[in-house]
Amino acid sequence: MQDINDKINNMHMGKLIHMLSHEMKRNHPIDKVIQDDLTIMQKHILKFILLETMHRDLYQKDIEEEFQIRKSTVTGYVQLMEKNGYLTRESDKEDARKKRLVPTARAEKLREAILEDIKQNEKLLEKGIPAEDVTTCKHVLYHVLQNLIEKHKEEGNE
């Protein structure tokens, strides 16, 4: 146990987060859940759309912000996903210039598998960890994220 504590105490937080992220991508790739004819980025965007539209309207601007990619890049992704039958764009009720992104029935078929994968992954991540430690971990990671976002804003990279 002391060896583990020494290793953890001597490891940079950034390195540990990077290792965790790499391991999650390697062992739970998006390809496992969404096996359709999409690029990796389109799969991530589709997953985001399917999860977010469960409780709010979603627009192209939301994708730009979530993935930190240019409007023209998102436009290309959205147009291709629309062409391939995963999305439709519908005029917003209050502002017809804004187009809501709406998953099609083809995309909706993937939602259940995505939700199940998230559930199983969370179960694995939390295995053997007391609930209060999981909560503390989430709070700490969220605070770390906010620190990075704040630094990014201070540098004028919004």
Protein backbone atom coordinates (compact mmCIF):
# COMPACT_ATOMS: atom_id res chain seq x y z
CA MET A 1 0.00 0.00 0.00
CA GLN A 2 2.85 2.38 0.80
CA ASP A 3 4.32 1.81 -2.70
CA ILE A 4 1.01 2.86 -4.29
CA ASN A 5 0.80 5.96 -2.07
CA ASP A 6 4.38 6.91 -2.95
CA LYS A 7 3.69 6.43 -6.65
CA ILE A 8 0.49 8.52 -6.50
CA ASN A 9 2.10 11.26 -4.40
CA ASN A 10 4.99 11.54 -6.87
CA MET A 11 2.78 11.59 -9.97
CA HIS A 12 1.57 14.83 -11.54
CA MET A 13 -2.21 15.18 -11.62
CA GLY A 14 -2.12 16.02 -15.33
CA LYS A 15 -0.25 12.81 -16.10
CA LEU A 16 -2.75 10.73 -14.14
CA ILE A 17 -5.69 12.39 -15.92
CA HIS A 18 -4.00 11.83 -19.28
CA MET A 19 -3.40 8.15 -18.47
CA LEU A 20 -7.01 7.73 -17.37
CA SER A 21 -8.32 9.41 -20.52
CA HIS A 22 -6.09 7.27 -22.74
CA GLU A 23 -7.17 4.06 -20.99
CA MET A 24 -10.85 4.97 -21.29
CA LYS A 25 -10.51 5.69 -25.02
CA ARG A 26 -8.59 2.47 -25.57
CA ASN A 27 -10.93 0.20 -23.62
CA HIS A 28 -14.24 1.90 -24.39
CA PRO A 29 -13.94 3.27 -27.90
CA ILE A 30 -16.93 4.98 -29.47
CA ASP A 31 -16.64 2.41 -32.31
CA LYS A 32 -17.80 -0.27 -29.86
CA VAL A 33 -21.13 1.50 -29.38
CA ILE A 34 -21.70 3.21 -32.72
CA GLN A 35 -20.67 0.82 -35.47
CA ASP A 36 -22.26 2.76 -38.32
CA ASP A 37 -20.54 4.41 -41.28
CA LEU A 38 -19.37 7.57 -39.50
CA THR A 39 -15.94 9.03 -38.78
CA ILE A 40 -14.73 9.03 -35.16
CA MET A 41 -15.55 12.74 -34.82
CA GLN A 42 -19.03 12.26 -36.28
CA LYS A 43 -19.62 9.46 -33.78
CA HIS A 44 -18.61 11.72 -30.89
CA ILE A 45 -20.86 14.49 -32.20
CA LEU A 46 -23.76 12.08 -32.69
CA LYS A 47 -23.32 10.73 -29.16
CA PHE A 48 -23.33 14.31 -27.82
CA ILE A 49 -26.47 15.14 -29.81
CA LEU A 50 -28.29 11.99 -28.70
CA LEU A 51 -27.50 12.59 -25.03
CA GLU A 52 -28.16 16.33 -24.98
CA THR A 53 -31.42 16.25 -26.94
CA MET A 54 -32.88 14.07 -24.21
CA HIS A 55 -33.38 17.21 -22.11
CA ARG A 56 -32.86 20.31 -24.28
CA ASP A 57 -32.95 21.67 -27.80
CA LEU A 58 -29.58 21.58 -29.51
CA TYR A 59 -28.09 23.85 -32.15
CA GLN A 60 -24.94 23.88 -34.26
CA LYS A 61 -23.47 26.51 -31.90
CA ASP A 62 -23.66 23.96 -29.06
CA ILE A 63 -21.46 21.56 -31.03
CA GLU A 64 -18.97 24.33 -31.82
CA GLU A 65 -18.68 25.13 -28.11
CA GLU A 66 -18.60 21.53 -26.86
CA PHE A 67 -15.90 20.37 -29.26
CA GLN A 68 -14.13 23.72 -29.72
CA ILE A 69 -14.30 23.52 -33.50
CA ARG A 70 -15.02 26.18 -36.12
CA LYS A 71 -18.47 26.88 -37.47
CA SER A 72 -17.47 25.81 -41.00
CA THR A 73 -16.15 22.48 -39.72
CA VAL A 74 -19.34 21.80 -37.76
CA THR A 75 -21.42 22.76 -40.79
CA GLY A 76 -19.62 20.11 -42.83
CA TYR A 77 -20.16 17.44 -40.17
CA VAL A 78 -23.82 18.32 -39.74
CA GLN A 79 -24.50 18.39 -43.49
CA LEU A 80 -22.88 14.98 -43.96
CA MET A 81 -24.74 13.49 -40.98
CA GLU A 82 -27.97 14.92 -42.37
CA LYS A 83 -27.20 13.48 -45.83
CA ASN A 84 -26.50 10.06 -44.25
CA GLY A 85 -29.82 10.06 -42.40
CA TYR A 86 -28.72 10.71 -38.80
CA LEU A 87 -29.97 14.28 -38.35
CA THR A 88 -32.54 16.72 -39.56
CA ARG A 89 -32.48 20.46 -39.04
CA GLU A 90 -35.75 22.09 -38.05
CA SER A 91 -36.52 25.79 -37.71
CA ASP A 92 -36.68 27.02 -34.14
CA LYS A 93 -40.19 27.94 -33.00
CA GLU A 94 -39.10 31.37 -31.76
CA ASP A 95 -36.40 32.22 -34.33
CA ALA A 96 -36.74 30.60 -37.77
CA ARG A 97 -33.12 31.55 -38.59
CA LYS A 98 -31.92 29.11 -35.93
CA LYS A 99 -32.03 25.42 -36.83
CA ARG A 100 -32.52 22.80 -34.14
CA LEU A 101 -30.59 19.57 -34.63
CA VAL A 102 -32.96 16.64 -34.36
CA PRO A 103 -31.83 12.99 -34.41
CA THR A 104 -33.63 10.80 -36.92
CA ALA A 105 -35.10 7.38 -36.17
CA ARG A 106 -31.84 5.87 -37.49
CA ALA A 107 -29.85 7.82 -34.90
CA GLU A 108 -32.39 7.19 -32.14
CA LYS A 109 -31.78 3.44 -32.48
CA LEU A 110 -28.25 4.08 -31.17
CA ARG A 111 -29.30 5.99 -28.03
CA GLU A 112 -30.15 2.94 -25.93
CA ALA A 113 -26.79 1.28 -26.68
CA ILE A 114 -24.96 4.51 -25.78
CA LEU A 115 -26.83 4.86 -22.49
CA GLU A 116 -26.16 1.22 -21.61
CA ASP A 117 -22.47 1.64 -22.43
CA ILE A 118 -22.25 4.71 -20.19
CA LYS A 119 -23.99 2.81 -17.37
CA GLN A 120 -21.60 -0.15 -17.66
CA ASN A 121 -18.55 2.11 -17.91
CA GLU A 122 -19.57 4.08 -14.81
CA LYS A 123 -20.09 0.83 -12.93
CA LEU A 124 -16.58 -0.28 -13.89
CA LEU A 125 -15.01 3.08 -13.00
CA GLU A 126 -16.66 3.12 -9.56
CA LYS A 127 -15.99 -0.55 -8.73
CA GLY A 128 -14.64 -0.94 -5.19
CA ILE A 129 -14.76 2.80 -4.45
CA PRO A 130 -17.03 4.06 -1.65
CA ALA A 131 -19.83 6.33 -2.90
CA GLU A 132 -18.56 9.32 -0.91
CA ASP A 133 -15.12 8.96 -2.53
CA VAL A 134 -16.72 8.85 -5.99
CA THR A 135 -18.59 12.07 -5.16
CA THR A 136 -15.39 13.71 -3.88
CA CYS A 137 -13.53 12.62 -7.01
CA LYS A 138 -16.21 14.14 -9.25
CA HIS A 139 -16.10 17.42 -7.31
CA VAL A 140 -12.30 17.58 -7.55
CA LEU A 141 -12.25 16.75 -11.27
CA TYR A 142 -14.94 19.35 -11.94
CA HIS A 143 -12.93 21.95 -10.02
CA VAL A 144 -9.81 21.04 -12.02
CA LEU A 145 -11.82 21.48 -15.23
CA GLN A 146 -13.08 24.89 -14.09
CA ASN A 147 -9.50 25.96 -13.28
CA LEU A 148 -8.43 25.09 -16.81
CA ILE A 149 -11.44 26.82 -18.37
CA GLU A 150 -10.81 29.96 -16.31
CA LYS A 151 -7.14 30.04 -17.35
CA HIS A 152 -8.18 29.59 -20.97
CA LYS A 153 -10.58 32.56 -20.68
CA GLU A 154 -7.94 34.74 -18.98
CA GLU A 155 -5.61 34.12 -21.90
CA GLY A 156 -8.34 35.27 -24.28
CA ASN A 157 -8.83 31.88 -25.92
CA GLU A 158 -12.58 31.59 -25.46
